[in-house]
C-alpha atoms as a PDB file:
ATOM      1  CA  MET A   1      89.748 -39.257   9.663  1.00  0.00           C
ATOM      2  CA  ILE A   2      87.870 -37.171   7.444  1.00  0.00           C
ATOM      3  CA  GLY A   3      84.864 -39.177   7.003  1.00  0.00           C
ATOM      4  CA  ALA A   4      84.903 -40.135  10.834  1.00  0.00           C
ATOM      5  CA  LEU A   5      84.645 -36.060  11.566  1.00  0.00           C
ATOM      6  CA  ALA A   6      81.968 -35.635   8.624  1.00  0.00           C
ATOM      7  CA  ALA A   7      80.043 -38.206  10.253  1.00  0.00           C
ATOM      8  CA  LEU A   8      80.345 -36.745  13.726  1.00  0.00           C
ATOM      9  CA  LEU A   9      79.554 -33.690  12.765  1.00  0.00           C
ATOM     10  CA  LEU A  10      76.563 -34.683  10.966  1.00  0.00           C
ATOM     11  CA  TRP A  11      75.297 -37.152  14.199  1.00  0.00           C
ATOM     12  CA  SER A  12      75.656 -33.954  16.395  1.00  0.00           C
ATOM     13  CA  ALA A  13      74.315 -31.683  14.454  1.00  0.00           C
ATOM     14  CA  PRO A  14      70.564 -30.592  14.876  1.00  0.00           C
ATOM     15  CA  ALA A  15      67.711 -31.652  13.070  1.00  0.00           C
ATOM     16  CA  VAL A  16      66.989 -29.016  10.357  1.00  0.00           C
ATOM     17  CA  PRO A  17      63.575 -28.076  10.572  1.00  0.00           C
ATOM     18  CA  PRO A  18      61.475 -28.493   7.727  1.00  0.00           C
ATOM     19  CA  GLN A  19      61.531 -25.570   5.146  1.00  0.00           C
ATOM     20  CA  GLU A  20      58.835 -22.748   5.704  1.00  0.00           C
ATOM     21  CA  PRO A  21      56.059 -23.127   3.093  1.00  0.00           C
ATOM     22  CA  PRO A  22      56.570 -20.249   0.520  1.00  0.00           C
ATOM     23  CA  PRO A  23      54.548 -16.860   1.534  1.00  0.00           C
ATOM     24  CA  SER A  24      50.756 -16.813   0.604  1.00  0.00           C
ATOM     25  CA  VAL A  25      49.793 -15.694  -2.760  1.00  0.00           C
ATOM     26  CA  ALA A  26      47.625 -12.822  -0.440  1.00  0.00           C
ATOM     27  CA  ALA A  27      50.862 -11.498   1.066  1.00  0.00           C
ATOM     28  CA  VAL A  28      53.389 -11.482  -2.055  1.00  0.00           C
ATOM     29  CA  SER A  29      50.225  -9.710  -4.092  1.00  0.00           C
ATOM     30  CA  ALA A  30      49.948  -7.096  -1.092  1.00  0.00           C
ATOM     31  CA  ASP A  31      53.925  -6.700  -0.978  1.00  0.00           C
ATOM     32  CA  GLN A  32      53.556  -6.389  -5.146  1.00  0.00           C
ATOM     33  CA  ALA A  33      50.470  -4.015  -5.257  1.00  0.00           C
ATOM     34  CA  LEU A  34      52.095  -1.574  -3.143  1.00  0.00           C
ATOM     35  CA  LEU A  35      55.786  -1.606  -4.593  1.00  0.00           C
ATOM     36  CA  ALA A  36      53.790  -1.503  -8.606  1.00  0.00           C
ATOM     37  CA  ALA A  37      52.515   1.972  -7.649  1.00  0.00           C
ATOM     38  CA  PHE A  38      56.408   3.182  -8.212  1.00  0.00           C
ATOM     39  CA  ASP A  39      56.109   1.562 -11.972  1.00  0.00           C
ATOM     40  CA  PRO A  40      54.771   4.890 -13.163  1.00  0.00           C
ATOM     41  CA  LEU A  41      58.538   6.679 -12.309  1.00  0.00           C
ATOM     42  CA  HIS A  42      61.026   4.059 -13.261  1.00  0.00           C
ATOM     43  CA  SER A  43      62.543   3.808 -16.575  1.00  0.00           C
ATOM     44  CA  HIS A  44      62.921   7.803 -16.777  1.00  0.00           C
ATOM     45  CA  VAL A  45      65.535  10.445 -15.424  1.00  0.00           C
ATOM     46  CA  TRP A  46      63.449  13.429 -13.879  1.00  0.00           C
ATOM     47  CA  ARG A  47      65.065  16.480 -13.888  1.00  0.00           C
ATOM     48  CA  GLY A  48      63.534  19.778 -11.726  1.00  0.00           C
ATOM     49  CA  ALA A  49      64.566  22.960  -9.980  1.00  0.00           C
ATOM     50  CA  SER A  50      63.443  24.056  -6.468  1.00  0.00           C
ATOM     51  CA  ILE A  51      60.794  25.760  -6.246  1.00  0.00           C
ATOM     52  CA  THR A  52      62.689  28.376  -3.775  1.00  0.00           C
ATOM     53  CA  ASP A  53      65.828  28.361  -5.631  1.00  0.00           C
ATOM     54  CA  PRO A  54      65.695  27.973  -9.496  1.00  0.00           C
ATOM     55  CA  GLY A  55      69.825  27.162  -9.234  1.00  0.00           C
ATOM     56  CA  VAL A  56      69.313  24.257  -7.515  1.00  0.00           C
ATOM     57  CA  VAL A  57      68.460  20.976  -9.964  1.00  0.00           C
ATOM     58  CA  ASP A  58      68.063  17.942  -8.850  1.00  0.00           C
ATOM     59  CA  GLU A  59      67.582  14.765 -11.164  1.00  0.00           C
ATOM     60  CA  ILE A  60      66.324  11.724  -9.685  1.00  0.00           C
ATOM     61  CA  THR A  61      65.515   7.813 -10.759  1.00  0.00           C
ATOM     62  CA  PHE A  62      63.819   4.998  -9.736  1.00  0.00           C
ATOM     63  CA  GLU A  63      64.465   1.184 -10.320  1.00  0.00           C
ATOM     64  CA  ARG A  64      63.206  -2.318  -8.879  1.00  0.00           C
ATOM     65  CA  THR A  65      65.836  -3.837  -6.792  1.00  0.00           C
ATOM     66  CA  ALA A  66      66.341  -6.822  -4.672  1.00  0.00           C
ATOM     67  CA  GLY A  67      64.448  -9.271  -7.106  1.00  0.00           C
ATOM     68  CA  GLY A  68      61.504  -7.008  -7.423  1.00  0.00           C
ATOM     69  CA  HIS A  69      61.231  -6.251  -3.525  1.00  0.00           C
ATOM     70  CA  ALA A  70      62.469  -3.360  -3.063  1.00  0.00           C
ATOM     71  CA  ILE A  71      62.427   0.229  -4.894  1.00  0.00           C
ATOM     72  CA  ARG A  72      65.855   1.833  -5.380  1.00  0.00           C
ATOM     73  CA  SER A  73      65.913   5.835  -5.878  1.00  0.00           C
ATOM     74  CA  VAL A  74      68.974   7.574  -6.515  1.00  0.00           C
ATOM     75  CA  HIS A  75      69.156  11.429  -6.694  1.00  0.00           C
ATOM     76  CA  THR A  76      71.667  14.087  -7.489  1.00  0.00           C
ATOM     77  CA  VAL A  77      72.073  17.221  -6.726  1.00  0.00           C
ATOM     78  CA  ASN A  78      73.899  19.805  -9.130  1.00  0.00           C
ATOM     79  CA  GLY A  79      75.698  17.173 -10.881  1.00  0.00           C
ATOM     80  CA  GLY A  80      76.671  15.430  -7.704  1.00  0.00           C
ATOM     81  CA  VAL A  81      77.517  18.200  -4.873  1.00  0.00           C
ATOM     82  CA  TYR A  82      74.577  16.684  -2.489  1.00  0.00           C
ATOM     83  CA  THR A  83      73.530  13.151  -3.611  1.00  0.00           C
ATOM     84  CA  GLY A  84      71.313  10.575  -1.958  1.00  0.00           C
ATOM     85  CA  GLU A  85      69.864   6.952  -1.986  1.00  0.00           C
ATOM     86  CA  THR A  86      66.579   5.518  -1.321  1.00  0.00           C
ATOM     87  CA  LEU A  87      65.365   1.983  -0.411  1.00  0.00           C
ATOM     88  CA  ILE A  88      61.771   1.422  -0.085  1.00  0.00           C
ATOM     89  CA  THR A  89      60.694  -2.305   0.712  1.00  0.00           C
ATOM     90  CA  PHE A  90      57.562  -3.924   2.625  1.00  0.00           C
ATOM     91  CA  ASP A  91      57.434  -4.648   6.095  1.00  0.00           C
ATOM     92  CA  ARG A  92      55.225  -7.771   6.654  1.00  0.00           C
ATOM     93  CA  PRO A  93      54.748  -7.096  10.350  1.00  0.00           C
ATOM     94  CA  SER A  94      53.377  -3.785  10.135  1.00  0.00           C
ATOM     95  CA  GLY A  95      51.509  -3.820   6.583  1.00  0.00           C
ATOM     96  CA  GLN A  96      53.540  -1.023   5.884  1.00  0.00           C
ATOM     97  CA  LEU A  97      56.179   0.362   2.757  1.00  0.00           C
ATOM     98  CA  ILE A  98      59.401   1.311   5.528  1.00  0.00           C
ATOM     99  CA  SER A  99      62.249   3.543   3.650  1.00  0.00           C
ATOM    100  CA  PHE A 100      65.617   4.213   4.591  1.00  0.00           C
ATOM    101  CA  TYR A 101      67.733   6.827   2.999  1.00  0.00           C
ATOM    102  CA  ALA A 102      71.303   7.764   3.396  1.00  0.00           C
ATOM    103  CA  THR A 103      73.261  10.862   2.154  1.00  0.00           C
ATOM    104  CA  ASN A 104      76.418  12.181   1.214  1.00  0.00           C
ATOM    105  CA  GLY A 105      75.741  15.338   3.718  1.00  0.00           C
ATOM    106  CA  GLY A 106      76.429  13.221   6.743  1.00  0.00           C
ATOM    107  CA  PHE A 107      72.850  12.270   7.944  1.00  0.00           C
ATOM    108  CA  TYR A 108      70.104   9.415   7.415  1.00  0.00           C
ATOM    109  CA  THR A 109      66.422   9.183   7.219  1.00  0.00           C
ATOM    110  CA  THR A 110      64.255   6.370   8.180  1.00  0.00           C
ATOM    111  CA  GLY A 111      60.206   6.096   8.239  1.00  0.00           C
ATOM    112  CA  THR A 112      57.062   5.244   6.246  1.00  0.00           C
ATOM    113  CA  VAL A 113      55.530   5.919   2.982  1.00  0.00           C
ATOM    114  CA  LYS A 114      52.028   5.449   2.445  1.00  0.00           C
ATOM    115  CA  VAL A 115      50.677   4.637  -1.313  1.00  0.00           C
ATOM    116  CA  LEU A 116      47.886   7.347  -1.967  1.00  0.00           C
ATOM    117  CA  GLY A 117      47.827   5.770  -5.835  1.00  0.00           C
ATOM    118  CA  PRO A 118      50.301   5.349  -9.001  1.00  0.00           C
ATOM    119  CA  GLY A 119      52.214   7.968  -8.408  1.00  0.00           C
ATOM    120  CA  GLN A 120      51.296   9.561  -5.383  1.00  0.00           C
ATOM    121  CA  PHE A 121      53.054   9.371  -1.726  1.00  0.00           C
ATOM    122  CA  GLU A 122      53.320  10.606   1.370  1.00  0.00           C
ATOM    123  CA  PHE A 123      56.604   9.978   3.214  1.00  0.00           C
ATOM    124  CA  GLN A 124      57.166  10.322   7.208  1.00  0.00           C
ATOM    125  CA  GLN A 125      60.879  10.256   7.772  1.00  0.00           C
ATOM    126  CA  VAL A 126      63.016  10.171  11.600  1.00  0.00           C
ATOM    127  CA  VAL A 127      65.998  12.160  10.587  1.00  0.00           C
ATOM    128  CA  HIS A 128      69.410  11.168  12.083  1.00  0.00           C
ATOM    129  CA  GLY A 129      72.368  13.381  12.497  1.00  0.00           C
ATOM    130  CA  LEU A 130      71.150  16.512  11.473  1.00  0.00           C
ATOM    131  CA  ASP A 131      71.036  18.829  13.779  1.00  0.00           C
ATOM    132  CA  GLY A 132      67.970  20.676  14.656  1.00  0.00           C
ATOM    133  CA  VAL A 133      65.887  18.548  12.063  1.00  0.00           C
ATOM    134  CA  THR A 134      64.194  15.564  13.745  1.00  0.00           C
ATOM    135  CA  GLU A 135      61.377  14.666  11.002  1.00  0.00           C
ATOM    136  CA  VAL A 136      60.607  15.478   7.365  1.00  0.00           C
ATOM    137  CA  ARG A 137      57.367  14.933   5.860  1.00  0.00           C
ATOM    138  CA  ALA A 138      56.849  15.069   1.947  1.00  0.00           C
ATOM    139  CA  GLN A 139      53.869  14.442  -0.105  1.00  0.00           C
ATOM    140  CA  THR A 140      54.464  13.456  -3.930  1.00  0.00           C
ATOM    141  CA  THR A 141      52.491  12.942  -7.093  1.00  0.00           C
ATOM    142  CA  LEU A 142      52.665  12.275 -10.390  1.00  0.00           C
ATOM    143  CA  THR A 143      50.298  14.217 -13.052  1.00  0.00           C
ATOM    144  CA  ASP A 144      50.648  15.546 -16.538  1.00  0.00           C
ATOM    145  CA  ASP A 145      54.230  13.987 -16.694  1.00  0.00           C
ATOM    146  CA  VAL A 146      55.248  16.063 -13.711  1.00  0.00           C
ATOM    147  CA  TYR A 147      56.278  14.660 -10.787  1.00  0.00           C
ATOM    148  CA  ARG A 148      56.205  16.857  -7.626  1.00  0.00           C
ATOM    149  CA  ILE A 149      57.467  16.743  -4.443  1.00  0.00           C
ATOM    150  CA  ARG A 150      56.640  19.035  -1.569  1.00  0.00           C
ATOM    151  CA  SER A 151      58.128  19.072   2.091  1.00  0.00           C
ATOM    152  CA  GLN A 152      57.830  20.008   5.434  1.00  0.00           C
ATOM    153  CA  HIS A 153      60.978  19.660   7.838  1.00  0.00           C
ATOM    154  CA  LEU A 154      60.340  19.835  11.674  1.00  0.00           C
ATOM    155  CA  ILE A 155      63.412  22.227  12.809  1.00  0.00           C
ATOM    156  CA  ASN A 156      63.786  23.077  16.571  1.00  0.00           C
ATOM    157  CA  GLY A 157      59.907  21.603  17.529  1.00  0.00           C
ATOM    158  CA  GLN A 158      58.385  23.763  14.341  1.00  0.00           C
ATOM    159  CA  TRP A 159      57.191  22.609  11.213  1.00  0.00           C
ATOM    160  CA  VAL A 160      58.131  24.551   8.620  1.00  0.00           C
ATOM    161  CA  GLU A 161      57.699  24.772   4.531  1.00  0.00           C
ATOM    162  CA  THR A 162      60.850  23.450   2.737  1.00  0.00           C
ATOM    163  CA  GLY A 163      59.781  23.735  -0.974  1.00  0.00           C
ATOM    164  CA  GLY A 164      59.859  21.097  -3.539  1.00  0.00           C
ATOM    165  CA  PHE A 165      60.589  19.835  -6.788  1.00  0.00           C
ATOM    166  CA  ASP A 166      58.490  20.165 -10.221  1.00  0.00           C
ATOM    167  CA  TYR A 167      60.482  17.051 -12.220  1.00  0.00           C
ATOM    168  CA  ARG A 168      59.879  16.251 -16.056  1.00  0.00           C
ATOM    169  CA  SER A 169      61.308  13.066 -17.843  1.00  0.00           C
ATOM    170  CA  VAL A 170      64.214  14.009 -19.829  1.00  0.00           C
ATOM    171  CA  PRO A 171      65.995  11.736 -22.494  1.00  0.00           C
END
């Protein structure tokens, strides 16, 4: 009976289409080239104080994840009072890096990341779940072993400079 049921399932199942060929080398190269811009930030713990409030200290790390097809960034402010995680991956249809940022503050962001060079990025994010704040844009640079972030928030329809951090690698 089990053999008959198995035969019936095999006979009635639709034919399996041939597997898609692997992605082209060019597509994989575009993906990897953009993600490689984050490589100088990996294998470090970056610590920095807010440029507007030195009592706010942030630690951030970067790593490859999803078999090398995504970047994961985790940051913790003042030992965990505020935390967030970002996933960045390549979106083939648009040819862009996209990101998703989740926080313990009850909101999240989605958007794009533009690679300007190794360790240099521009983030454009839509904010979900934070009253009055609808967008964030940030510019980051890694020069002279300092990773700098400067950000602006769209608050009640007005772009506001909201500061940033200057991070240095710590053991």
